[in-house]
């Protein structure tokens, strides 16, 4: 797998349209049950090479396999403009992706700051009500772990209040 990832990195530097290579890597991740990696790769591929046509249908199928049919429907109906690109979220001088935060919380669910950051990522990228509800749950978990987390409380109030 490392060899394939290295080859893809080389191709990204030289190929102006690397969508097919990224799609192939995502399908390998999917077969290895690394669904989060597959999703991130497909989303990034859509950003880097929007002309490659296979990534949106493959991302929609992956989302359905992950139980996110509503998000898949939005993706299929709206296409590129509905794609949430996983960007880094900052905490001090540390940067995290959504996948890294999820992985961190799977190992140690007591980190209030990571729950808050994951909530912010979900809220900022909310293309459907499920992500908004997930963001709300993350802010609640952040407060559960640290009732003094002022930022999580503010975000939760903003979601619940409207």
N, C-alpha and C. Protein backbone atom coordinates (compact mmCIF):
# COMPACT_ATOMS: atom_id res chain seq x y z
N UNK A 1 0.82 -1.19 0.00
CA UNK A 1 0.00 0.00 0.00
C UNK A 1 0.87 1.26 0.00
N UNK A 2 1.91 1.26 0.78
CA UNK A 2 2.82 2.41 0.83
C UNK A 2 3.39 2.69 -0.56
N UNK A 3 3.71 1.63 -1.29
CA UNK A 3 4.26 1.79 -2.64
C UNK A 3 3.24 2.50 -3.54
N UNK A 4 1.99 2.09 -3.45
CA UNK A 4 0.94 2.68 -4.27
C UNK A 4 0.76 4.15 -3.90
N UNK A 5 0.76 4.46 -2.59
CA UNK A 5 0.61 5.83 -2.14
C UNK A 5 1.78 6.70 -2.62
N UNK A 6 2.99 6.14 -2.60
CA UNK A 6 4.17 6.87 -3.09
C UNK A 6 4.06 7.12 -4.59
N UNK A 7 3.62 6.11 -5.32
CA UNK A 7 3.45 6.26 -6.76
C UNK A 7 2.41 7.33 -7.07
N UNK A 8 1.33 7.35 -6.29
CA UNK A 8 0.30 8.36 -6.49
C UNK A 8 0.87 9.75 -6.21
N UNK A 9 1.63 9.89 -5.15
CA UNK A 9 2.23 11.19 -4.82
C UNK A 9 3.10 11.68 -5.98
N UNK A 10 3.88 10.78 -6.58
CA UNK A 10 4.70 11.15 -7.74
C UNK A 10 3.82 11.58 -8.91
N UNK A 11 2.74 10.84 -9.14
CA UNK A 11 1.85 11.15 -10.27
C UNK A 11 1.16 12.49 -10.05
N UNK A 12 0.82 12.81 -8.81
CA UNK A 12 0.16 14.08 -8.52
C UNK A 12 1.05 15.26 -8.87
N UNK A 13 2.35 15.06 -8.73
CA UNK A 13 3.28 16.14 -9.04
C UNK A 13 3.45 16.33 -10.54
N UNK A 14 3.22 15.31 -11.33
CA UNK A 14 3.48 15.40 -12.77
C UNK A 14 2.23 15.39 -13.63
N UNK A 15 1.15 14.85 -13.14
CA UNK A 15 -0.07 14.69 -13.94
C UNK A 15 -1.02 15.86 -13.67
N UNK A 16 -1.38 16.64 -14.67
CA UNK A 16 -2.31 17.74 -14.45
C UNK A 16 -3.74 17.28 -14.18
N UNK A 17 -4.04 16.02 -14.44
CA UNK A 17 -5.39 15.47 -14.23
C UNK A 17 -5.29 14.10 -13.55
N UNK A 18 -5.01 14.09 -12.24
CA UNK A 18 -4.77 12.83 -11.54
C UNK A 18 -6.02 12.13 -11.01
N UNK A 19 -7.20 12.52 -11.48
CA UNK A 19 -8.44 11.98 -10.95
C UNK A 19 -8.54 10.47 -11.01
N UNK A 20 -8.11 9.87 -12.11
CA UNK A 20 -8.21 8.41 -12.25
C UNK A 20 -7.33 7.70 -11.23
N UNK A 21 -6.11 8.20 -11.04
CA UNK A 21 -5.20 7.57 -10.07
C UNK A 21 -5.75 7.69 -8.65
N UNK A 22 -6.27 8.85 -8.32
CA UNK A 22 -6.84 9.04 -6.98
C UNK A 22 -8.08 8.17 -6.79
N UNK A 23 -8.89 8.05 -7.83
CA UNK A 23 -10.06 7.18 -7.78
C UNK A 23 -9.64 5.74 -7.51
N UNK A 24 -8.59 5.29 -8.20
CA UNK A 24 -8.10 3.92 -7.99
C UNK A 24 -7.63 3.71 -6.55
N UNK A 25 -6.90 4.69 -6.02
CA UNK A 25 -6.45 4.59 -4.63
C UNK A 25 -7.65 4.51 -3.68
N UNK A 26 -8.65 5.33 -3.93
CA UNK A 26 -9.85 5.32 -3.09
C UNK A 26 -10.54 3.96 -3.12
N UNK A 27 -10.59 3.33 -4.29
CA UNK A 27 -11.23 2.02 -4.41
C UNK A 27 -10.42 0.95 -3.67
N UNK A 28 -9.10 1.10 -3.65
CA UNK A 28 -8.26 0.18 -2.86
C UNK A 28 -8.58 0.37 -1.38
N UNK A 29 -8.65 1.62 -0.94
CA UNK A 29 -9.00 1.90 0.46
C UNK A 29 -10.36 1.27 0.80
N UNK A 30 -11.32 1.41 -0.10
CA UNK A 30 -12.65 0.86 0.15
C UNK A 30 -12.59 -0.66 0.31
N UNK A 31 -11.83 -1.32 -0.56
CA UNK A 31 -11.71 -2.78 -0.46
C UNK A 31 -11.03 -3.21 0.84
N UNK A 32 -10.17 -2.34 1.37
CA UNK A 32 -9.49 -2.63 2.64
C UNK A 32 -10.32 -2.17 3.85
N UNK A 33 -11.57 -1.79 3.58
CA UNK A 33 -12.47 -1.28 4.62
C UNK A 33 -11.94 -0.03 5.31
N UNK A 34 -11.17 0.75 4.59
CA UNK A 34 -10.68 2.03 5.09
C UNK A 34 -11.55 3.13 4.45
N UNK A 35 -12.84 3.11 4.85
CA UNK A 35 -13.83 3.97 4.22
C UNK A 35 -13.53 5.45 4.40
N UNK A 36 -13.04 5.84 5.59
CA UNK A 36 -12.73 7.26 5.80
C UNK A 36 -11.63 7.72 4.85
N UNK A 37 -10.60 6.89 4.68
CA UNK A 37 -9.52 7.24 3.74
C UNK A 37 -10.05 7.31 2.31
N UNK A 38 -10.93 6.39 1.96
CA UNK A 38 -11.52 6.41 0.62
C UNK A 38 -12.33 7.69 0.41
N UNK A 39 -13.11 8.06 1.40
CA UNK A 39 -13.93 9.28 1.27
C UNK A 39 -13.04 10.52 1.12
N UNK A 40 -12.04 10.64 1.97
CA UNK A 40 -11.15 11.80 1.90
C UNK A 40 -10.46 11.86 0.54
N UNK A 41 -10.00 10.72 0.04
CA UNK A 41 -9.31 10.67 -1.25
C UNK A 41 -10.24 11.06 -2.39
N UNK A 42 -11.47 10.56 -2.38
CA UNK A 42 -12.42 10.92 -3.44
C UNK A 42 -12.79 12.41 -3.38
N UNK A 43 -12.98 12.93 -2.19
CA UNK A 43 -13.31 14.35 -2.07
C UNK A 43 -12.15 15.22 -2.57
N UNK A 44 -10.95 14.84 -2.20
CA UNK A 44 -9.78 15.59 -2.65
C UNK A 44 -9.63 15.47 -4.16
N UNK A 45 -9.90 14.31 -4.71
CA UNK A 45 -9.82 14.10 -6.15
C UNK A 45 -10.79 15.01 -6.89
N UNK A 46 -11.98 15.15 -6.36
CA UNK A 46 -12.98 16.02 -6.98
C UNK A 46 -12.49 17.46 -6.97
N UNK A 47 -11.81 17.83 -5.91
CA UNK A 47 -11.27 19.18 -5.80
C UNK A 47 -10.11 19.39 -6.79
N UNK A 48 -9.20 18.42 -6.85
CA UNK A 48 -7.99 18.53 -7.66
C UNK A 48 -8.27 18.34 -9.15
N UNK A 49 -9.18 17.41 -9.47
CA UNK A 49 -9.43 17.07 -10.88
C UNK A 49 -10.94 16.92 -11.12
N UNK A 50 -11.67 18.04 -11.13
CA UNK A 50 -13.12 17.95 -11.28
C UNK A 50 -13.56 17.40 -12.64
N UNK A 51 -12.66 17.35 -13.60
CA UNK A 51 -13.04 16.85 -14.93
C UNK A 51 -13.16 15.33 -14.98
N UNK A 52 -12.57 14.62 -14.00
CA UNK A 52 -12.67 13.16 -14.00
C UNK A 52 -14.06 12.77 -13.52
N UNK A 53 -14.80 12.07 -14.36
CA UNK A 53 -16.21 11.80 -14.10
C UNK A 53 -16.53 10.67 -13.14
N UNK A 54 -15.58 9.82 -12.82
CA UNK A 54 -15.89 8.65 -11.99
C UNK A 54 -15.95 8.90 -10.51
N UNK A 55 -15.41 10.01 -10.04
CA UNK A 55 -15.30 10.20 -8.60
C UNK A 55 -16.61 10.51 -7.90
N UNK A 56 -17.47 11.30 -8.51
CA UNK A 56 -18.74 11.62 -7.86
C UNK A 56 -19.62 10.38 -7.73
N UNK A 57 -19.81 9.57 -8.77
CA UNK A 57 -20.61 8.36 -8.58
C UNK A 57 -19.98 7.40 -7.56
N UNK A 58 -18.65 7.30 -7.56
CA UNK A 58 -18.00 6.40 -6.60
C UNK A 58 -18.13 6.93 -5.17
N UNK A 59 -18.03 8.24 -5.00
CA UNK A 59 -18.23 8.82 -3.67
C UNK A 59 -19.67 8.60 -3.21
N UNK A 60 -20.62 8.77 -4.11
CA UNK A 60 -22.03 8.54 -3.75
C UNK A 60 -22.25 7.09 -3.31
N UNK A 61 -21.68 6.13 -4.04
CA UNK A 61 -21.81 4.72 -3.66
C UNK A 61 -21.16 4.46 -2.29
N UNK A 62 -19.99 5.04 -2.08
CA UNK A 62 -19.30 4.87 -0.80
C UNK A 62 -20.14 5.44 0.34
N UNK A 63 -20.70 6.63 0.14
CA UNK A 63 -21.53 7.23 1.18
C UNK A 63 -22.73 6.35 1.50
N UNK A 64 -23.34 5.76 0.47
CA UNK A 64 -24.47 4.84 0.71
C UNK A 64 -24.00 3.62 1.51
N UNK A 65 -22.83 3.08 1.14
CA UNK A 65 -22.28 1.93 1.87
C UNK A 65 -22.02 2.28 3.34
N UNK A 66 -21.75 3.56 3.60
CA UNK A 66 -21.46 4.02 4.96
C UNK A 66 -22.74 4.44 5.68
N UNK A 67 -23.91 4.24 5.03
CA UNK A 67 -25.19 4.58 5.66
C UNK A 67 -25.55 6.05 5.55
N UNK A 68 -24.97 6.76 4.61
CA UNK A 68 -25.21 8.19 4.45
C UNK A 68 -25.91 8.47 3.12
N UNK A 69 -27.07 7.82 2.95
CA UNK A 69 -27.82 7.92 1.69
C UNK A 69 -28.28 9.33 1.38
N UNK A 70 -28.69 10.07 2.39
CA UNK A 70 -29.17 11.44 2.15
C UNK A 70 -28.04 12.30 1.56
N UNK A 71 -26.85 12.15 2.11
CA UNK A 71 -25.70 12.90 1.58
C UNK A 71 -25.36 12.45 0.16
N UNK A 72 -25.49 11.15 -0.10
CA UNK A 72 -25.24 10.62 -1.45
C UNK A 72 -26.24 11.19 -2.44
N UNK A 73 -27.51 11.29 -2.05
CA UNK A 73 -28.54 11.85 -2.92
C UNK A 73 -28.23 13.31 -3.27
N UNK A 74 -27.81 14.08 -2.26
CA UNK A 74 -27.45 15.49 -2.50
C UNK A 74 -26.28 15.57 -3.45
N UNK A 75 -25.29 14.73 -3.24
CA UNK A 75 -24.11 14.72 -4.10
C UNK A 75 -24.50 14.43 -5.55
N UNK A 76 -25.34 13.44 -5.74
CA UNK A 76 -25.75 13.07 -7.10
C UNK A 76 -26.59 14.16 -7.76
N UNK A 77 -27.41 14.85 -6.97
CA UNK A 77 -28.27 15.86 -7.57
C UNK A 77 -27.56 17.19 -7.80
N UNK A 78 -26.64 17.55 -6.92
CA UNK A 78 -25.98 18.85 -7.04
C UNK A 78 -24.58 18.77 -7.59
N UNK A 79 -23.99 17.59 -7.58
CA UNK A 79 -22.66 17.42 -8.15
C UNK A 79 -21.57 18.10 -7.35
N UNK A 80 -20.62 18.69 -8.06
CA UNK A 80 -19.40 19.23 -7.45
C UNK A 80 -19.65 20.26 -6.36
N UNK A 81 -20.66 21.11 -6.51
CA UNK A 81 -20.85 22.17 -5.53
C UNK A 81 -21.28 21.64 -4.17
N UNK A 82 -21.73 20.39 -4.08
CA UNK A 82 -22.17 19.84 -2.79
C UNK A 82 -21.05 19.10 -2.06
N UNK A 83 -19.87 19.02 -2.66
CA UNK A 83 -18.78 18.23 -2.06
C UNK A 83 -18.09 19.02 -0.98
N UNK A 84 -18.06 18.43 0.22
CA UNK A 84 -17.32 19.02 1.34
C UNK A 84 -15.90 18.49 1.30
N UNK A 85 -14.94 19.40 1.12
CA UNK A 85 -13.54 19.01 1.11
C UNK A 85 -13.02 19.06 2.53
N UNK A 86 -12.41 17.99 2.95
CA UNK A 86 -11.89 17.94 4.30
C UNK A 86 -10.68 18.84 4.42
N UNK A 87 -10.84 19.88 5.18
CA UNK A 87 -9.76 20.82 5.39
C UNK A 87 -9.24 20.66 6.81
N UNK A 88 -8.08 21.23 7.03
CA UNK A 88 -7.49 21.15 8.36
C UNK A 88 -8.16 22.14 9.29
N UNK A 89 -8.27 21.73 10.54
CA UNK A 89 -8.83 22.54 11.60
C UNK A 89 -7.69 22.80 12.56
N UNK A 90 -7.56 24.03 13.01
CA UNK A 90 -6.42 24.38 13.85
C UNK A 90 -6.80 24.51 15.31
N UNK A 91 -5.87 24.08 16.16
CA UNK A 91 -5.95 24.27 17.60
C UNK A 91 -4.55 24.68 18.03
N UNK A 92 -4.38 25.98 18.28
CA UNK A 92 -3.04 26.48 18.57
C UNK A 92 -2.17 26.28 17.34
N UNK A 93 -1.03 25.64 17.53
CA UNK A 93 -0.15 25.40 16.39
C UNK A 93 -0.33 24.00 15.81
N UNK A 94 -1.37 23.27 16.25
CA UNK A 94 -1.66 21.94 15.74
C UNK A 94 -2.77 22.02 14.70
N UNK A 95 -2.61 21.27 13.62
CA UNK A 95 -3.64 21.18 12.58
C UNK A 95 -4.15 19.75 12.52
N UNK A 96 -5.46 19.60 12.39
CA UNK A 96 -6.09 18.28 12.34
C UNK A 96 -7.06 18.21 11.18
N UNK A 97 -7.18 17.03 10.59
CA UNK A 97 -8.26 16.80 9.63
C UNK A 97 -9.39 16.12 10.39
N UNK A 98 -10.55 16.10 9.79
CA UNK A 98 -11.70 15.44 10.41
C UNK A 98 -11.37 13.97 10.71
N UNK A 99 -10.73 13.30 9.76
CA UNK A 99 -10.36 11.90 9.96
C UNK A 99 -9.41 11.71 11.12
N UNK A 100 -8.44 12.63 11.27
CA UNK A 100 -7.50 12.53 12.39
C UNK A 100 -8.20 12.73 13.72
N UNK A 101 -9.17 13.64 13.76
CA UNK A 101 -9.92 13.86 15.01
C UNK A 101 -10.74 12.63 15.37
N UNK A 102 -11.38 12.04 14.39
CA UNK A 102 -12.17 10.83 14.64
C UNK A 102 -11.27 9.72 15.16
N UNK A 103 -10.14 9.54 14.52
CA UNK A 103 -9.19 8.52 14.95
C UNK A 103 -8.71 8.77 16.37
N UNK A 104 -8.39 10.02 16.68
CA UNK A 104 -7.94 10.38 18.02
C UNK A 104 -9.02 10.09 19.06
N UNK A 105 -10.26 10.43 18.75
CA UNK A 105 -11.35 10.22 19.69
C UNK A 105 -11.69 8.75 19.85
N UNK A 106 -11.43 7.94 18.84
CA UNK A 106 -11.64 6.50 18.98
C UNK A 106 -10.65 5.92 19.99
N UNK A 107 -9.46 6.51 20.06
CA UNK A 107 -8.43 6.05 21.00
C UNK A 107 -8.64 6.61 22.39
N UNK A 108 -9.08 7.89 22.47
CA UNK A 108 -9.26 8.56 23.75
C UNK A 108 -10.44 9.52 23.63
N UNK A 109 -11.59 9.08 24.08
CA UNK A 109 -12.81 9.87 23.92
C UNK A 109 -12.97 10.97 24.96
N UNK A 110 -11.99 11.15 25.82
CA UNK A 110 -12.11 12.15 26.88
C UNK A 110 -11.60 13.54 26.48
N UNK A 111 -11.09 13.71 25.27
CA UNK A 111 -10.50 14.96 24.85
C UNK A 111 -11.58 15.95 24.40
N UNK A 112 -11.93 16.86 25.29
CA UNK A 112 -12.98 17.84 25.02
C UNK A 112 -12.65 18.73 23.82
N UNK A 113 -11.40 19.13 23.68
CA UNK A 113 -11.02 20.00 22.57
C UNK A 113 -11.20 19.30 21.22
N UNK A 114 -10.89 18.01 21.18
CA UNK A 114 -11.06 17.28 19.92
C UNK A 114 -12.54 17.12 19.58
N UNK A 115 -13.38 16.92 20.60
CA UNK A 115 -14.82 16.86 20.34
C UNK A 115 -15.29 18.20 19.78
N UNK A 116 -14.82 19.29 20.37
CA UNK A 116 -15.19 20.62 19.89
C UNK A 116 -14.75 20.83 18.44
N UNK A 117 -13.49 20.50 18.14
CA UNK A 117 -12.97 20.69 16.78
C UNK A 117 -13.72 19.84 15.76
N UNK A 118 -14.03 18.60 16.14
CA UNK A 118 -14.80 17.75 15.23
C UNK A 118 -16.18 18.35 14.99
N UNK A 119 -16.78 18.88 16.04
CA UNK A 119 -18.07 19.55 15.89
C UNK A 119 -17.99 20.74 14.95
N UNK A 120 -16.92 21.52 15.07
CA UNK A 120 -16.73 22.67 14.18
C UNK A 120 -16.58 22.21 12.72
N UNK A 121 -15.82 21.15 12.52
CA UNK A 121 -15.63 20.63 11.17
C UNK A 121 -16.96 20.17 10.58
N UNK A 122 -17.73 19.46 11.37
CA UNK A 122 -19.03 18.98 10.89
C UNK A 122 -19.99 20.13 10.64
N UNK A 123 -19.98 21.09 11.53
CA UNK A 123 -20.88 22.24 11.39
C UNK A 123 -20.51 23.06 10.16
N UNK A 124 -19.22 23.32 9.97
CA UNK A 124 -18.76 24.13 8.83
C UNK A 124 -19.03 23.44 7.51
N UNK A 125 -18.98 22.11 7.50
CA UNK A 125 -19.19 21.37 6.26
C UNK A 125 -20.57 20.77 6.15
N UNK A 126 -21.51 21.26 6.94
CA UNK A 126 -22.84 20.66 6.98
C UNK A 126 -23.58 20.88 5.66
N UNK A 127 -23.71 19.81 4.89
CA UNK A 127 -24.48 19.87 3.65
C UNK A 127 -25.85 19.21 3.84
N UNK A 128 -26.04 18.61 5.01
CA UNK A 128 -27.33 18.00 5.29
C UNK A 128 -27.58 17.99 6.79
N UNK A 129 -28.79 17.65 7.18
CA UNK A 129 -29.17 17.70 8.59
C UNK A 129 -28.41 16.68 9.43
N UNK A 130 -27.96 15.57 8.84
CA UNK A 130 -27.22 14.58 9.62
C UNK A 130 -25.90 15.14 10.13
N UNK A 131 -25.17 15.86 9.29
CA UNK A 131 -23.90 16.46 9.73
C UNK A 131 -24.17 17.52 10.79
N UNK A 132 -25.25 18.26 10.67
CA UNK A 132 -25.60 19.27 11.66
C UNK A 132 -25.91 18.59 13.00
N UNK A 133 -26.65 17.51 12.95
CA UNK A 133 -26.96 16.76 14.19
C UNK A 133 -25.69 16.16 14.79
N UNK A 134 -24.80 15.66 13.93
CA UNK A 134 -23.53 15.12 14.41
C UNK A 134 -22.70 16.22 15.08
N UNK A 135 -22.71 17.42 14.50
CA UNK A 135 -21.98 18.55 15.09
C UNK A 135 -22.54 18.86 16.47
N UNK A 136 -23.86 18.88 16.57
CA UNK A 136 -24.50 19.14 17.87
C UNK A 136 -24.07 18.10 18.89
N UNK A 137 -24.05 16.82 18.50
CA UNK A 137 -23.63 15.76 19.42
C UNK A 137 -22.18 15.94 19.85
N UNK A 138 -21.33 16.36 18.93
CA UNK A 138 -19.91 16.59 19.29
C UNK A 138 -19.78 17.71 20.31
N UNK A 139 -20.53 18.80 20.13
CA UNK A 139 -20.48 19.89 21.10
C UNK A 139 -21.00 19.43 22.46
N UNK A 140 -22.04 18.59 22.45
CA UNK A 140 -22.55 18.04 23.72
C UNK A 140 -21.49 17.15 24.40
N UNK A 141 -20.79 16.35 23.60
CA UNK A 141 -19.72 15.50 24.16
C UNK A 141 -18.59 16.35 24.72
N UNK A 142 -18.24 17.42 24.02
CA UNK A 142 -17.19 18.32 24.51
C UNK A 142 -17.57 18.88 25.87
N UNK A 143 -18.82 19.29 26.01
CA UNK A 143 -19.29 19.83 27.29
C UNK A 143 -19.39 18.75 28.36
N UNK A 144 -19.75 17.54 27.95
CA UNK A 144 -19.80 16.43 28.89
C UNK A 144 -18.42 16.15 29.46
N UNK A 145 -17.40 16.22 28.62
CA UNK A 145 -16.02 15.94 29.05
C UNK A 145 -15.42 17.11 29.82
N UNK A 146 -15.84 18.35 29.45
CA UNK A 146 -15.34 19.54 30.13
C UNK A 146 -16.44 20.60 30.15
N UNK A 147 -17.22 20.65 31.24
CA UNK A 147 -18.34 21.60 31.32
C UNK A 147 -17.91 23.07 31.22
N UNK A 148 -16.62 23.36 31.36
CA UNK A 148 -16.15 24.74 31.26
C UNK A 148 -15.74 25.12 29.83
N UNK A 149 -15.94 24.24 28.86
CA UNK A 149 -15.55 24.52 27.47
C UNK A 149 -16.52 25.55 26.89
N UNK A 150 -16.13 26.81 27.02
CA UNK A 150 -16.96 27.95 26.63
C UNK A 150 -17.29 27.93 25.13
N UNK A 151 -16.29 27.59 24.30
CA UNK A 151 -16.50 27.60 22.86
C UNK A 151 -17.53 26.54 22.44
N UNK A 152 -17.45 25.37 23.03
CA UNK A 152 -18.42 24.31 22.72
C UNK A 152 -19.82 24.74 23.15
N UNK A 153 -19.92 25.39 24.31
CA UNK A 153 -21.22 25.86 24.80
C UNK A 153 -21.81 26.90 23.83
N UNK A 154 -20.98 27.83 23.37
CA UNK A 154 -21.45 28.85 22.42
C UNK A 154 -21.96 28.23 21.13
N UNK A 155 -21.21 27.26 20.60
CA UNK A 155 -21.61 26.61 19.35
C UNK A 155 -22.91 25.82 19.53
N UNK A 156 -23.02 25.12 20.65
CA UNK A 156 -24.23 24.34 20.92
C UNK A 156 -25.44 25.27 21.03
N UNK A 157 -25.27 26.38 21.74
CA UNK A 157 -26.37 27.34 21.88
C UNK A 157 -26.77 27.92 20.51
N UNK A 158 -25.79 28.16 19.65
CA UNK A 158 -26.09 28.70 18.33
C UNK A 158 -26.86 27.70 17.48
N UNK A 159 -26.58 26.41 17.65
CA UNK A 159 -27.28 25.39 16.87
C UNK A 159 -28.69 25.19 17.40
N UNK A 160 -28.83 25.14 18.72
CA UNK A 160 -30.10 24.81 19.34
C UNK A 160 -31.05 26.01 19.33
N UNK A 161 -30.51 27.22 19.43
CA UNK A 161 -31.32 28.44 19.57
C UNK A 161 -32.17 28.80 18.35
N UNK A 162 -31.65 28.67 17.11
CA UNK A 162 -32.46 29.16 15.98
C UNK A 162 -33.75 28.44 15.88
